[in-house]
Each structure stands twice: as structure tokens, then as C-alpha cells.
Protein backbone atom coordinates (compact mmCIF):
# COMPACT_ATOMS: atom_id res chain seq x y z
CA MET A 1 -62.91 -23.34 24.81
CA LEU A 2 -62.61 -22.88 21.32
CA THR A 3 -64.77 -20.34 19.62
CA ALA A 4 -65.71 -19.81 15.86
CA ARG A 5 -64.19 -16.38 14.60
CA ARG A 6 -65.36 -14.91 11.27
CA PRO A 7 -62.57 -14.30 9.13
CA ARG A 8 -61.47 -10.67 9.19
CA THR A 9 -61.40 -8.19 6.38
CA PHE A 10 -58.70 -8.38 4.58
CA VAL A 11 -56.88 -5.04 3.02
CA ALA A 12 -54.56 -3.74 0.85
CA ARG A 13 -53.62 -0.81 -1.16
CA LEU A 14 -51.89 -1.58 -4.96
CA ASP A 15 -50.62 0.85 -7.29
CA SER A 16 -53.16 2.13 -9.76
CA ARG A 17 -51.98 0.28 -12.83
CA THR A 18 -53.31 -2.60 -15.04
CA GLU A 19 -50.51 -4.82 -14.25
CA SER A 20 -51.64 -4.81 -10.27
CA THR A 21 -54.90 -6.48 -11.65
CA PRO A 22 -53.47 -10.40 -11.28
CA LEU A 23 -51.97 -9.25 -7.83
CA ALA A 24 -55.16 -8.17 -6.81
CA ARG A 25 -56.93 -11.78 -8.12
CA TYR A 26 -53.86 -13.29 -6.31
CA LEU A 27 -54.42 -11.75 -2.82
CA LEU A 28 -58.39 -12.89 -3.43
CA ARG A 29 -57.75 -16.25 -3.86
CA ALA A 30 -55.14 -16.72 -1.03
CA TYR A 31 -58.01 -15.26 0.97
CA LEU A 32 -60.75 -17.46 -0.12
CA ALA A 33 -58.42 -20.18 0.15
CA GLY A 34 -58.32 -19.73 4.29
CA LEU A 35 -62.26 -19.91 4.21
CA PRO A 36 -63.63 -23.28 4.64
CA ALA A 37 -66.00 -23.12 1.80
CA GLY A 38 -64.09 -20.69 -0.25
CA ASP A 39 -64.05 -22.61 -3.28
CA ARG A 40 -67.48 -21.67 -3.46
CA TYR A 41 -67.01 -17.84 -4.36
CA THR A 42 -63.72 -18.11 -6.65
CA ASP A 43 -64.54 -17.96 -9.92
CA THR A 44 -67.21 -15.20 -10.12
CA ALA A 45 -65.23 -13.40 -7.48
CA GLU A 46 -62.22 -13.22 -9.16
CA LEU A 47 -63.85 -12.27 -12.35
CA LEU A 48 -65.86 -9.39 -10.48
CA LEU A 49 -62.83 -8.10 -8.40
CA GLY A 50 -61.27 -8.05 -11.70
CA GLU A 51 -63.34 -6.03 -13.99
CA LEU A 52 -63.62 -3.68 -10.65
CA PHE A 53 -60.45 -2.74 -10.42
CA ALA A 54 -59.43 -2.67 -13.91
CA ASN A 55 -62.53 -0.12 -13.76
CA ALA A 56 -60.64 1.77 -11.07
CA VAL A 57 -57.76 1.99 -13.19
CA GLN A 58 -59.00 3.00 -16.50
CA HIS A 59 -61.79 5.08 -15.55
CA SER A 60 -60.31 6.81 -12.17
CA ASP A 61 -59.21 10.83 -12.73
CA ALA A 62 -57.55 10.29 -9.25
CA PRO A 63 -53.78 11.13 -9.86
CA ASP A 64 -51.36 8.63 -11.09
CA ASP A 65 -49.77 8.17 -7.78
CA ARG A 66 -52.77 7.49 -5.58
CA HIS A 67 -53.63 3.46 -4.51
CA ILE A 68 -56.23 1.80 -5.30
CA GLU A 69 -57.12 -0.16 -1.85
CA ILE A 70 -59.07 -3.67 -2.28
CA ARG A 71 -61.46 -5.07 0.72
CA PHE A 72 -62.86 -8.71 1.07
CA ALA A 73 -64.72 -9.44 3.72
CA LEU A 74 -67.35 -12.87 4.33
CA VAL A 75 -70.86 -11.17 5.51
CA ASN A 76 -73.79 -13.55 6.40
CA SER A 77 -72.42 -16.04 3.92
CA ARG A 78 -71.85 -13.41 1.04
CA LEU A 79 -68.49 -12.33 -0.07
CA ARG A 80 -68.28 -8.69 -0.07
CA LEU A 81 -65.85 -7.16 -2.64
CA GLU A 82 -65.06 -3.58 -2.66
CA VAL A 83 -62.65 -1.61 -4.61
CA HIS A 84 -61.68 1.98 -3.61
CA ASP A 85 -60.42 4.68 -5.70
CA ALA A 86 -59.54 8.95 -5.23
CA GLY A 87 -61.59 9.53 -8.19
CA SER A 88 -64.56 11.27 -8.58
CA GLY A 89 -66.57 9.64 -11.49
CA ARG A 90 -69.33 7.37 -10.45
CA PRO A 91 -69.77 3.95 -12.55
CA SER A 92 -72.88 3.79 -14.72
CA LEU A 93 -74.37 0.69 -16.52
CA ARG A 94 -74.43 1.02 -20.56
CA ALA A 95 -75.08 -1.10 -23.23
CA ALA A 96 -71.71 -1.72 -25.49
CA ALA A 97 -72.04 -2.09 -29.32
CA PRO A 98 -71.51 -5.67 -30.49
CA ASP A 99 -68.43 -4.28 -32.15
CA ASP A 100 -67.27 -2.29 -28.96
CA GLU A 101 -64.06 -3.75 -27.57
CA HIS A 102 -64.66 -2.76 -24.07
CA GLY A 103 -67.64 -1.53 -22.34
CA ARG A 104 -68.96 -4.52 -20.59
CA GLY A 105 -67.08 -5.03 -17.33
CA LEU A 106 -70.01 -3.31 -15.32
CA PHE A 107 -72.51 -5.20 -17.47
CA LEU A 108 -70.99 -8.52 -16.23
CA ILE A 109 -70.84 -7.04 -12.54
CA ASN A 110 -74.60 -6.46 -12.57
CA GLU A 111 -75.41 -10.07 -14.13
CA LEU A 112 -73.12 -11.77 -11.59
CA ALA A 113 -72.74 -9.88 -8.33
CA GLU A 114 -76.04 -10.65 -6.18
CA ARG A 115 -76.40 -6.64 -5.69
CA TRP A 116 -73.70 -4.01 -6.22
CA GLY A 117 -73.26 -0.56 -5.60
CA CYS A 118 -71.35 2.73 -5.64
CA THR A 119 -70.65 4.72 -2.13
CA SER A 120 -68.70 7.65 -1.34
CA ARG A 121 -65.49 7.06 0.93
CA PRO A 122 -65.51 8.32 4.61
CA GLY A 123 -63.65 11.41 4.50
CA GLY A 124 -65.32 12.69 1.33
CA ILE A 125 -62.37 11.88 -0.95
CA GLY A 126 -63.36 8.90 -3.64
CA LYS A 127 -65.57 6.24 -3.90
CA PHE A 128 -65.80 2.82 -3.27
CA VAL A 129 -67.73 0.01 -6.05
CA TRP A 130 -68.79 -3.11 -3.64
CA ALA A 131 -70.28 -6.12 -5.06
CA LEU A 132 -71.96 -9.04 -2.83
CA VAL A 133 -70.97 -12.63 -4.68
CA ALA A 134 -73.42 -15.37 -3.14
CA PRO A 135 -71.69 -19.20 -2.97
CA SER A 136 -72.21 -21.23 -6.15
CA SER A 137 -73.90 -24.53 -5.39
CA SER A 138 -71.61 -27.35 -5.98
CA ILE A 139 -73.19 -30.06 -7.64
CA VAL A 140 -71.49 -33.19 -8.75
CA THR A 141 -72.96 -35.64 -11.20
CA VAL A 142 -71.27 -38.73 -12.11
């Protein structure tokens, strides 16, 4: 007898470099492609993961040789994204001035994620920022 199984949590450790961001998004797309309704998360999840990863690279005070860990899991019809780094700083939402070239990533996360937060990592080294992504409703009009 076959039983339905939940997809497992995907975990990968990537170099803490801006150039790793596209790889993180690619891995997320591959993970979502294996889910029956994974396409309902793709656009928002890719944007959020890109912002979370870029923030970890740019703002972490961890040594450069530390990796950034990404995790994805489907939990009760919500996609949970996590980005772990060894830094001690915590993200804080701030208002960017109209002419600022940076500073809107966390605003986007706050607006597009169902919920998000920051938690200390087990073992006490670093933190992880997580976001829950609700599936988009696929309304097709002709």
C-alpha cells in the first residue's frame, strides 16, 4: 500500500558570496518543481529567498569563510524558507529614503511573507531568518 509522504526538508550550505544568490534560487526552483503545487509558491518564494540570502551576505558580521545555510520545507500548506548565518546581528525593518539604492529587502519580506522572524541558531552561534510563504491563488481568466 502506498502512503502519501510529505516532502522532506531541503538543506544546502553555500558560499557567503553575492554570486551564490542565483544558485540558492535555482535550488529552490528545483525543490518546488518536485511538489505537486510547487508552482503556486515559486515567484514570491524566489524573491523572498533572494532577499534573505543577499541580506545574510551583506550584513553578517561572521568571518568570510563561513557558509550560509538555506532550508526549505512545506509545512501545513505553507512554504517555510530559512537562511542561517553565523553572524550576531539581527535584521530590523526600516524605512528607506526614495533615493536610497538599498534598504528595501526587509520591507519586501515584510509585505510578501505571511509571517517572518529571526531566531537564534541551536548551539548559540549565529541566527536564522525565516519566512512563511502562502500559495498564490491561480485564477485564470479568458
